[in-house]
Amino acid sequence: MNITSIKHKLIRQIERHWYKQNSIILSIIFLPLSYIYFFIIYGRKKLYQLGYLPKFSLPVPVVVIGNITVGGVGKTPLTQTIAQTLLSRGVKVGVILRGYKSNLEYPTKVVYATDDSYLVGDEALIYAQHNIPVAIGKNRYLAGITLLNKYPNIEIILSDDGLQHYRLMRDFEIAVIDSRRLLGNKFLLPMGPLRELPLKLKQVNAIVFNDHIPLHIDSYMSLVSNLYEQKIILDKIYFPQTKNTLDLNDLKFKKVAAIAAIGNPKNFFMFLHSLKIDLKYTQAFPDHYAYIMDDVPQNYDLILVTEKDYTKLAKFKLNNVAIVYIKAKLNSLKLIDQIEELL
């Protein structure tokens, strides 16, 4: 068993500990670390509240779309939908984000045709590919300034992730929650999946559940008057090498595989199954995984991947790899109306 396989197995074990069944061994190891983590984040938050750490305000309204758990909950599809809806209404929108694993020390505007996902991050390229102005930076304030310097007509900035980035002041906060996983065992990292205490959910302006609003939710969620749900729906299945779009009816003749290196690969595979796609093989990789050619399954007519995965697979130029483009459909446009009212 190689190091990569051991790492995958460990990640799966930790996720089971968070969301399904507690491991006594992991609890003994992780619980003391969670208390240390609590004092670190609590102290940091207090320093911002008391003014010992500075906060910075951008000259346009800022909307943060984030989560209090680690892993994928549907932030990027939601941010993209909000951005595109506002753009269709004539509102000039830009997006800022961290740029996961980016080594760049300075804020950078992202251009899909020229930038490398290994430098700027997968999600940033997705926005740029859809002609949404985007900038990355460890310091979200400076990323926002970079974006506004390049696009001075921007009226609203959306921050993909960043609920815990208190350095940047915000006008509206949206917490996104996976309706299947919810908050797991409700412990802070690393004992559980929480980045901060669930009490944060009382302070946000809106909560969006990925898939559906659960029948039974915790009291701190029900205190928020704006509860929404988003459904992930299929946009198209597209072969980037041949520029062809695949008809779902053709899939019954294919030997189909799917691979994913996203926050919650299981959701992607379940989505494909909901489309009546008969998957002969699936493989999950860690979020933001850097693919090598050996990771791509052989002898399959069709390999389905997410838009995020293809930013790392494009270099292989494989004709049998197709991107499953998705979009988020909100149950109410009231949320976007509220954002537009910030102007």
Protein backbone atom coordinates (compact mmCIF):
# COMPACT_ATOMS: atom_id res chain seq x y z
CA MET A 1 0.00 0.00 0.00
CA ASN A 2 1.52 3.34 -1.08
CA ILE A 3 1.48 6.63 0.82
CA THR A 4 -1.41 8.01 -1.26
CA SER A 5 -3.59 4.98 -0.49
CA ILE A 6 -2.80 5.25 3.22
CA LYS A 7 -3.72 8.93 3.15
CA HIS A 8 -7.04 8.21 1.39
CA LYS A 9 -7.87 5.50 3.92
CA LEU A 10 -7.07 7.81 6.85
CA ILE A 11 -9.25 10.60 5.42
CA ARG A 12 -12.18 8.19 4.99
CA GLN A 13 -11.73 6.95 8.57
CA ILE A 14 -11.74 10.51 9.92
CA GLU A 15 -14.87 11.37 7.93
CA ARG A 16 -16.63 8.30 9.32
CA HIS A 17 -15.64 9.49 12.78
CA TRP A 18 -17.15 12.92 12.06
CA TYR A 19 -20.38 11.90 10.40
CA LYS A 20 -21.24 8.28 11.18
CA GLN A 21 -19.64 6.63 14.15
CA ASN A 22 -17.17 7.91 16.71
CA SER A 23 -13.89 6.06 17.02
CA ILE A 24 -12.69 5.75 20.61
CA ILE A 25 -9.06 5.87 19.50
CA LEU A 26 -9.56 8.98 17.37
CA SER A 27 -11.58 10.61 20.15
CA ILE A 28 -8.71 10.13 22.62
CA ILE A 29 -6.29 11.67 20.11
CA PHE A 30 -8.47 14.47 18.74
CA LEU A 31 -10.53 15.73 21.70
CA PRO A 32 -7.64 17.52 23.50
CA LEU A 33 -6.62 19.07 20.17
CA SER A 34 -10.16 20.37 19.67
CA TYR A 35 -9.98 22.24 22.98
CA ILE A 36 -6.71 23.84 21.87
CA TYR A 37 -8.33 24.75 18.55
CA PHE A 38 -11.28 26.30 20.42
CA PHE A 39 -9.06 28.59 22.49
CA ILE A 40 -7.15 29.64 19.36
CA ILE A 41 -10.24 30.58 17.32
CA TYR A 42 -12.03 32.11 20.33
CA GLY A 43 -9.01 34.25 21.18
CA ARG A 44 -8.56 35.33 17.58
CA LYS A 45 -12.23 36.28 17.28
CA LYS A 46 -12.08 38.30 20.49
CA LEU A 47 -9.02 40.19 19.28
CA TYR A 48 -10.97 41.28 16.22
CA GLN A 49 -14.03 42.20 18.29
CA LEU A 50 -11.96 44.30 20.71
CA GLY A 51 -10.07 46.03 17.91
CA TYR A 52 -6.63 44.60 18.66
CA LEU A 53 -6.61 43.05 15.19
CA PRO A 54 -7.62 45.42 12.37
CA LYS A 55 -10.64 44.98 10.10
CA PHE A 56 -10.80 46.44 6.61
CA SER A 57 -13.79 47.59 4.59
CA LEU A 58 -14.09 47.60 0.80
CA PRO A 59 -15.86 50.52 -0.91
CA VAL A 60 -18.62 48.24 -2.26
CA PRO A 61 -20.96 45.80 -0.45
CA VAL A 62 -19.40 42.43 0.38
CA VAL A 63 -21.38 39.18 0.58
CA VAL A 64 -19.64 36.18 2.15
CA ILE A 65 -20.84 32.71 1.11
CA GLY A 66 -19.20 30.21 3.44
CA ASN A 67 -19.68 27.33 5.82
CA ILE A 68 -18.72 26.34 9.34
CA THR A 69 -17.71 22.79 8.37
CA VAL A 70 -14.79 21.55 6.32
CA GLY A 71 -15.43 19.92 2.97
CA GLY A 72 -17.77 20.58 0.09
CA VAL A 73 -21.26 21.88 0.80
CA GLY A 74 -22.10 23.58 -2.50
CA LYS A 75 -20.65 27.07 -1.94
CA THR A 76 -19.19 27.47 -5.41
CA PRO A 77 -22.37 26.53 -7.39
CA LEU A 78 -24.37 28.87 -5.15
CA THR A 79 -21.88 31.73 -5.54
CA GLN A 80 -21.86 31.21 -9.29
CA THR A 81 -25.66 31.23 -9.46
CA ILE A 82 -25.89 34.40 -7.37
CA ALA A 83 -23.25 36.09 -9.52
CA GLN A 84 -24.84 35.12 -12.83
CA THR A 85 -28.34 36.10 -11.67
CA LEU A 86 -27.12 39.51 -10.53
CA LEU A 87 -25.20 39.97 -13.78
CA SER A 88 -28.36 39.14 -15.74
CA ARG A 89 -30.10 41.93 -13.79
CA GLY A 90 -27.42 44.39 -14.84
CA VAL A 91 -25.54 44.39 -11.53
CA LYS A 92 -21.76 44.36 -11.92
CA VAL A 93 -20.39 41.53 -9.75
CA GLY A 94 -16.94 40.21 -8.91
CA VAL A 95 -15.74 37.23 -6.85
CA ILE A 96 -12.85 36.95 -4.43
CA LEU A 97 -11.51 33.79 -2.80
CA ARG A 98 -8.47 32.35 -1.11
CA GLY A 99 -7.19 30.33 -4.06
CA TYR A 100 -6.71 26.97 -2.38
CA LYS A 101 -3.05 25.89 -2.10
CA SER A 102 -1.94 28.90 -4.14
CA ASN A 103 1.66 29.83 -3.41
CA LEU A 104 1.26 33.36 -4.69
CA GLU A 105 2.15 35.88 -2.00
CA TYR A 106 0.24 38.76 -3.57
CA PRO A 107 -3.38 39.22 -4.72
CA THR A 108 -3.89 38.18 -8.33
CA LYS A 109 -6.56 38.63 -10.95
CA VAL A 110 -7.39 35.28 -12.55
CA VAL A 111 -7.71 34.75 -16.30
CA TYR A 112 -8.88 31.29 -17.38
CA ALA A 113 -6.94 31.17 -20.63
CA THR A 114 -3.57 31.87 -19.07
CA ASP A 115 -3.62 30.89 -15.40
CA ASP A 116 -2.66 27.53 -13.94
CA SER A 117 -4.96 25.84 -11.41
CA TYR A 118 -1.89 24.79 -9.43
CA LEU A 119 -1.09 28.48 -8.93
CA VAL A 120 -4.50 30.08 -8.51
CA GLY A 121 -6.77 27.22 -7.38
CA ASP A 122 -9.52 25.22 -9.06
CA GLU A 123 -12.56 27.30 -8.12
CA ALA A 124 -11.00 30.57 -9.31
CA LEU A 125 -10.62 29.16 -12.80
CA ILE A 126 -14.26 28.05 -12.82
CA TYR A 127 -15.44 31.63 -12.24
CA ALA A 128 -13.04 33.02 -14.83
CA GLN A 129 -14.18 30.43 -17.36
CA HIS A 130 -17.73 31.71 -16.90
CA ASN A 131 -16.60 35.31 -17.49
CA ILE A 132 -17.08 36.36 -13.87
CA PRO A 133 -14.34 38.76 -12.72
CA VAL A 134 -12.33 37.03 -10.02
CA ALA A 135 -9.26 37.63 -7.88
CA ILE A 136 -7.51 35.46 -5.31
CA GLY A 137 -5.48 36.30 -2.24
CA LYS A 138 -4.72 35.13 1.28
CA ASN A 139 -5.79 38.62 2.31
CA ARG A 140 -9.35 38.93 0.96
CA TYR A 141 -9.35 42.70 1.42
CA LEU A 142 -6.32 43.09 -0.84
CA ALA A 143 -7.87 40.62 -3.30
CA GLY A 144 -10.95 42.87 -3.37
CA ILE A 145 -8.82 45.97 -3.94
CA THR A 146 -7.01 44.17 -6.78
CA LEU A 147 -10.34 43.27 -8.36
CA LEU A 148 -11.73 46.80 -8.05
CA ASN A 149 -8.55 48.31 -9.50
CA LYS A 150 -8.99 46.12 -12.58
CA TYR A 151 -12.79 46.42 -12.73
CA PRO A 152 -13.73 49.77 -11.11
CA ASN A 153 -17.37 49.42 -12.18
CA ILE A 154 -17.98 46.40 -9.88
CA GLU A 155 -20.91 47.11 -7.56
CA ILE A 156 -20.98 44.00 -5.33
CA ILE A 157 -18.23 41.55 -4.35
CA LEU A 158 -19.02 37.95 -3.47
CA SER A 159 -16.52 36.10 -1.31
CA ASP A 160 -16.47 32.36 -1.97
CA ASP A 161 -15.68 31.08 1.53
CA GLY A 162 -14.38 33.37 4.23
CA LEU A 163 -16.90 33.29 7.09
CA GLN A 164 -13.87 32.93 9.37
CA HIS A 165 -11.84 35.62 7.55
CA TYR A 166 -12.73 38.38 10.02
CA ARG A 167 -10.13 40.77 8.64
CA LEU A 168 -12.59 41.60 5.84
CA MET A 169 -15.75 43.40 6.91
CA ARG A 170 -18.93 42.15 5.28
CA ASP A 171 -22.47 43.37 4.69
CA PHE A 172 -24.23 40.02 4.32
CA GLU A 173 -23.33 36.48 5.37
CA ILE A 174 -24.67 33.23 3.92
CA ALA A 175 -23.90 29.89 5.55
CA VAL A 176 -24.22 26.83 3.32
CA ILE A 177 -25.00 23.46 4.93
CA ASP A 178 -25.12 19.99 3.42
CA SER A 179 -28.60 18.72 4.34
CA ARG A 180 -27.40 15.10 4.47
CA ARG A 181 -24.36 15.61 6.65
CA LEU A 182 -25.51 18.73 8.55
CA LEU A 183 -22.91 19.44 11.27
CA GLY A 184 -21.77 15.87 11.84
CA ASN A 185 -20.91 15.12 15.46
CA LYS A 186 -20.91 18.92 16.20
CA PHE A 187 -17.34 18.97 17.51
CA LEU A 188 -14.67 21.42 16.47
CA LEU A 189 -11.69 20.32 14.41
CA PRO A 190 -10.08 17.82 14.50
CA MET A 191 -12.53 15.91 16.71
CA GLY A 192 -15.33 16.97 14.39
CA PRO A 193 -15.82 18.84 11.11
CA LEU A 194 -16.60 22.28 12.57
CA ARG A 195 -14.42 25.29 11.81
CA GLU A 196 -16.20 27.25 14.53
CA LEU A 197 -19.01 26.79 17.03
CA PRO A 198 -22.57 26.25 15.75
CA LEU A 199 -23.58 29.48 17.50
CA LYS A 200 -22.15 31.28 14.47
CA LEU A 201 -25.27 30.21 12.59
CA LYS A 202 -27.36 32.54 14.78
CA GLN A 203 -25.38 35.50 13.44
CA VAL A 204 -25.56 34.94 9.67
CA ASN A 205 -28.13 36.65 7.46
CA ALA A 206 -29.23 33.50 5.65
CA ILE A 207 -28.71 29.74 5.60
CA VAL A 208 -28.85 27.74 2.37
CA PHE A 209 -29.26 23.99 2.64
CA ASN A 210 -27.75 21.96 -0.15
CA ASP A 211 -30.54 19.68 -1.50
CA HIS A 212 -33.40 20.29 0.97
CA ILE A 213 -34.35 21.98 4.22
CA PRO A 214 -34.39 19.18 6.84
CA LEU A 215 -37.63 18.55 8.70
CA HIS A 216 -35.80 18.72 12.03
CA ILE A 217 -33.09 21.32 12.45
CA ASP A 218 -31.27 22.59 15.51
CA SER A 219 -32.52 25.65 17.37
CA TYR A 220 -29.63 27.90 16.31
CA MET A 221 -30.54 27.25 12.67
CA SER A 222 -34.25 27.90 13.17
CA LEU A 223 -33.48 31.30 14.70
CA VAL A 224 -32.41 32.53 11.27
CA SER A 225 -35.48 33.83 9.44
CA ASN A 226 -34.00 33.30 5.98
CA LEU A 227 -33.76 29.58 5.29
CA TYR A 228 -33.37 28.47 1.69
CA GLU A 229 -32.59 25.33 -0.25
CA GLN A 230 -30.67 24.83 -3.46
CA LYS A 231 -31.04 21.94 -5.84
CA ILE A 232 -28.09 20.94 -7.97
CA ILE A 233 -29.32 20.35 -11.51
CA LEU A 234 -27.60 19.28 -14.69
CA ASP A 235 -26.56 21.97 -17.13
CA LYS A 236 -24.78 19.82 -19.72
CA ILE A 237 -22.23 17.05 -20.20
CA TYR A 238 -19.47 18.36 -22.40
CA PHE A 239 -16.33 16.95 -24.03
CA PRO A 240 -13.78 19.80 -23.85
CA GLN A 241 -11.40 18.14 -26.32
CA THR A 242 -13.92 17.48 -29.10
CA LYS A 243 -16.27 20.39 -28.22
CA ASN A 244 -19.25 18.04 -28.28
CA THR A 245 -22.19 17.89 -25.89
CA LEU A 246 -23.41 14.47 -24.82
CA ASP A 247 -27.05 13.46 -24.92
CA LEU A 248 -28.05 11.59 -21.77
CA ASN A 249 -29.85 9.03 -23.93
CA ASP A 250 -26.48 7.95 -25.37
CA LEU A 251 -25.15 6.92 -21.97
CA LYS A 252 -26.90 3.56 -22.01
CA PHE A 253 -24.46 2.46 -24.70
CA LYS A 254 -21.38 3.51 -22.75
CA LYS A 255 -19.07 1.88 -20.26
CA VAL A 256 -19.00 4.77 -17.84
CA ALA A 257 -16.65 5.69 -14.98
CA ALA A 258 -16.61 8.71 -12.68
CA ILE A 259 -13.80 10.20 -10.61
CA ALA A 260 -13.89 13.18 -8.28
CA ALA A 261 -11.50 15.12 -6.05
CA ILE A 262 -13.96 17.47 -4.39
CA GLY A 263 -15.12 18.14 -0.85
CA ASN A 264 -17.81 15.45 -0.94
CA PRO A 265 -17.32 13.09 -3.92
CA LYS A 266 -20.21 10.90 -2.78
CA ASN A 267 -22.64 13.70 -3.61
CA PHE A 268 -21.30 13.83 -7.17
CA PHE A 269 -21.69 10.08 -7.65
CA MET A 270 -25.19 10.17 -6.16
CA PHE A 271 -26.08 13.01 -8.53
CA LEU A 272 -24.96 10.92 -11.51
CA HIS A 273 -27.02 7.99 -10.28
CA SER A 274 -30.04 10.29 -10.00
CA LEU A 275 -29.61 11.00 -13.72
CA LYS A 276 -29.99 7.22 -14.35
CA ILE A 277 -26.35 6.91 -15.36
CA ASP A 278 -25.07 3.37 -14.89
CA LEU A 279 -21.61 3.86 -13.41
CA LYS A 280 -19.35 0.84 -13.73
CA TYR A 281 -16.56 2.41 -11.67
CA THR A 282 -16.17 5.31 -9.24
CA GLN A 283 -13.10 6.64 -7.48
CA ALA A 284 -12.93 9.41 -4.89
CA PHE A 285 -9.77 11.41 -4.23
CA PRO A 286 -9.00 14.02 -1.57
CA ASP A 287 -10.28 17.53 -2.21
CA HIS A 288 -8.05 19.51 -4.62
CA TYR A 289 -6.05 16.37 -5.41
CA ALA A 290 -3.33 16.79 -8.05
CA TYR A 291 -4.11 14.07 -10.60
CA ILE A 292 -1.48 12.03 -12.37
CA MET A 293 -2.16 9.98 -15.50
CA ASP A 294 -2.24 6.72 -13.54
CA ASP A 295 -5.28 7.99 -11.62
CA VAL A 296 -7.42 8.02 -14.75
CA PRO A 297 -9.30 4.70 -15.17
CA GLN A 298 -8.40 2.77 -18.29
CA ASN A 299 -10.61 1.00 -20.84
CA TYR A 300 -13.74 3.08 -20.27
CA ASP A 301 -15.75 4.69 -23.06
CA LEU A 302 -16.59 7.67 -20.91
CA ILE A 303 -15.11 9.21 -17.77
CA LEU A 304 -17.27 11.80 -16.03
CA VAL A 305 -15.68 14.50 -13.89
CA THR A 306 -16.67 17.78 -12.27
CA GLU A 307 -15.71 21.15 -13.64
CA LYS A 308 -13.33 21.51 -10.71
CA ASP A 309 -11.63 18.18 -11.48
CA TYR A 310 -11.05 19.11 -15.10
CA THR A 311 -8.88 22.07 -14.14
CA LYS A 312 -6.34 19.40 -13.08
CA LEU A 313 -7.13 16.85 -15.83
CA ALA A 314 -7.07 19.20 -18.84
CA LYS A 315 -3.33 18.73 -19.32
CA PHE A 316 -3.87 15.06 -20.29
CA LYS A 317 -6.10 16.03 -23.28
CA LEU A 318 -8.22 12.88 -23.10
CA ASN A 319 -11.06 12.58 -25.61
CA ASN A 320 -13.14 10.29 -23.39
CA VAL A 321 -13.25 12.67 -20.41
CA ALA A 322 -16.43 14.74 -20.15
CA ILE A 323 -17.25 17.54 -17.73
CA VAL A 324 -20.56 17.38 -15.89
CA TYR A 325 -21.60 21.01 -15.73
CA ILE A 326 -24.06 21.73 -12.95
CA LYS A 327 -25.92 24.74 -11.66
CA ALA A 328 -27.67 25.55 -8.42
CA LYS A 329 -31.38 26.32 -8.45
CA LEU A 330 -32.66 28.23 -5.43
CA ASN A 331 -36.16 27.60 -4.15
CA SER A 332 -36.65 31.38 -3.90
CA LEU A 333 -35.04 34.40 -5.53
CA LYS A 334 -35.74 36.39 -2.36
CA LEU A 335 -32.15 35.73 -1.28
CA ILE A 336 -30.76 37.40 -4.40
CA ASP A 337 -33.27 40.23 -4.03
CA GLN A 338 -31.89 40.88 -0.54
CA ILE A 339 -28.35 41.01 -1.90
CA GLU A 340 -29.37 43.41 -4.65
CA GLU A 341 -30.95 45.65 -2.02
CA LEU A 342 -27.46 46.23 -0.58
CA LEU A 343 -26.80 48.65 -3.44
